């Protein structure tokens, strides 16, 4: 599954003009992606590359669900650092520590 396929499925699944059967198939595909081992990585890549509001919103939802479910687990730190390194290498906009502190502040505010 490519990022383009996932992006098309998200847009299709959230579009009010798509028929019910197609929308249901698209959302089922999105659920498979959402629950996969690569969900955090995929959603962060989509968030950074997509200009579509629906895709960015879906990506943030997936990231929020992942962080909520895995926050206390030990491997979360390694997952976040891996994603921040990927972001830093590809985009070099923010140092990884600033991104991590932003996530920690968002998480602390929601508790």
Protein backbone atom coordinates (compact mmCIF):
# COMPACT_ATOMS: atom_id res chain seq x y z
CA UNK A 1 0.00 0.00 0.00
CA UNK A 2 1.41 3.31 -1.08
CA UNK A 3 0.88 6.69 0.51
CA UNK A 4 -1.02 7.76 -2.61
CA UNK A 5 -3.43 4.82 -2.21
CA UNK A 6 -3.97 5.63 1.45
CA UNK A 7 -4.53 9.30 0.68
CA UNK A 8 -7.09 8.46 -2.02
CA UNK A 9 -8.89 6.07 0.35
CA UNK A 10 -9.10 8.75 3.07
CA UNK A 11 -10.50 11.35 0.68
CA UNK A 12 -12.94 8.82 -0.79
CA UNK A 13 -14.06 7.60 2.63
CA UNK A 14 -14.76 11.11 3.87
CA UNK A 15 -16.36 12.47 0.71
CA UNK A 16 -20.14 13.02 0.89
CA UNK A 17 -20.50 12.52 -2.89
CA UNK A 18 -19.20 8.92 -2.98
CA UNK A 19 -21.63 5.99 -3.01
CA UNK A 20 -22.06 4.05 0.25
CA UNK A 21 -20.39 0.81 -0.90
CA UNK A 22 -17.26 2.57 -2.15
CA UNK A 23 -17.13 4.73 0.97
CA UNK A 24 -17.42 1.62 3.18
CA UNK A 25 -14.60 -0.14 1.31
CA UNK A 26 -12.39 2.95 1.57
CA UNK A 27 -13.00 3.28 5.31
CA UNK A 28 -12.30 -0.44 5.82
CA UNK A 29 -8.96 0.07 4.08
CA UNK A 30 -8.27 3.11 6.27
CA UNK A 31 -9.04 1.04 9.37
CA UNK A 32 -6.48 -1.56 8.30
CA UNK A 33 -3.89 1.20 7.92
CA UNK A 34 -4.94 2.83 11.20
CA UNK A 35 -4.44 -0.41 13.14
CA UNK A 36 -1.22 -1.49 11.43
CA UNK A 37 2.22 -1.53 13.04
CA UNK A 38 3.25 1.31 10.73
CA UNK A 39 0.28 3.57 11.59
CA UNK A 40 2.38 6.25 13.30
CA UNK A 41 4.96 6.36 10.54
CA UNK A 42 2.35 6.42 7.78
CA UNK A 43 0.27 9.11 9.46
CA UNK A 44 3.29 11.33 10.09
CA UNK A 45 4.36 11.02 6.45
CA UNK A 46 0.85 11.84 5.24
CA UNK A 47 0.61 14.79 7.59
CA UNK A 48 3.81 16.26 6.20
CA UNK A 49 3.16 15.64 2.52
CA UNK A 50 -0.56 16.17 2.03
CA UNK A 51 -2.21 19.49 1.41
CA UNK A 52 -5.68 17.97 1.82
CA UNK A 53 -7.41 18.96 5.06
CA UNK A 54 -9.19 15.59 5.36
CA UNK A 55 -5.94 13.66 5.07
CA UNK A 56 -4.15 15.89 7.56
CA UNK A 57 -7.04 15.59 10.01
CA UNK A 58 -7.15 11.79 9.63
CA UNK A 59 -3.37 11.65 10.15
CA UNK A 60 -3.62 13.69 13.35
CA UNK A 61 -6.40 11.40 14.60
CA UNK A 62 -4.25 8.32 13.99
CA UNK A 63 -1.28 9.93 15.73
CA UNK A 64 -3.48 10.90 18.69
CA UNK A 65 -4.89 7.37 18.99
CA UNK A 66 -1.39 5.90 18.80
CA UNK A 67 -0.03 8.23 21.45
CA UNK A 68 -3.02 7.65 23.70
CA UNK A 69 -2.70 3.88 23.48
CA UNK A 70 1.09 3.64 23.68
CA UNK A 71 2.11 6.62 25.83
CA UNK A 72 3.16 4.55 28.85
CA UNK A 73 4.94 1.88 26.85
CA UNK A 74 8.71 1.86 26.69
CA UNK A 75 8.99 1.60 22.92
CA UNK A 76 7.07 4.83 22.32
CA UNK A 77 10.19 6.95 22.84
CA UNK A 78 12.05 5.00 20.19
CA UNK A 79 9.11 5.29 17.76
CA UNK A 80 8.91 9.06 18.27
CA UNK A 81 12.64 9.55 17.90
CA UNK A 82 12.62 7.52 14.70
CA UNK A 83 9.83 9.65 13.25
CA UNK A 84 11.44 12.91 14.35
CA UNK A 85 14.72 11.86 12.76
CA UNK A 86 12.85 11.08 9.55
CA UNK A 87 11.15 14.49 9.65
CA UNK A 88 14.44 16.27 10.41
CA UNK A 89 16.28 14.48 7.62
CA UNK A 90 13.60 15.15 5.01
CA UNK A 91 12.41 18.60 5.99
CA UNK A 92 14.96 20.16 8.39
CA UNK A 93 12.41 22.72 9.59
CA UNK A 94 12.55 22.09 13.29
CA UNK A 95 15.08 20.42 15.55
CA UNK A 96 13.73 17.08 16.86
CA UNK A 97 13.83 18.29 20.46
CA UNK A 98 11.44 21.15 19.70
CA UNK A 99 8.97 18.75 18.07
CA UNK A 100 9.23 16.31 20.95
CA UNK A 101 8.72 19.06 23.53
CA UNK A 102 5.67 20.24 21.59
CA UNK A 103 4.17 16.76 21.72
CA UNK A 104 4.94 16.42 25.42
CA UNK A 105 3.28 19.79 26.11
CA UNK A 106 0.20 18.82 24.09
CA UNK A 107 -0.02 15.49 25.89
CA UNK A 108 0.44 17.09 29.33
CA UNK A 109 -2.29 19.62 28.60
CA UNK A 110 -4.74 16.88 27.63
CA UNK A 111 -4.27 14.86 30.83
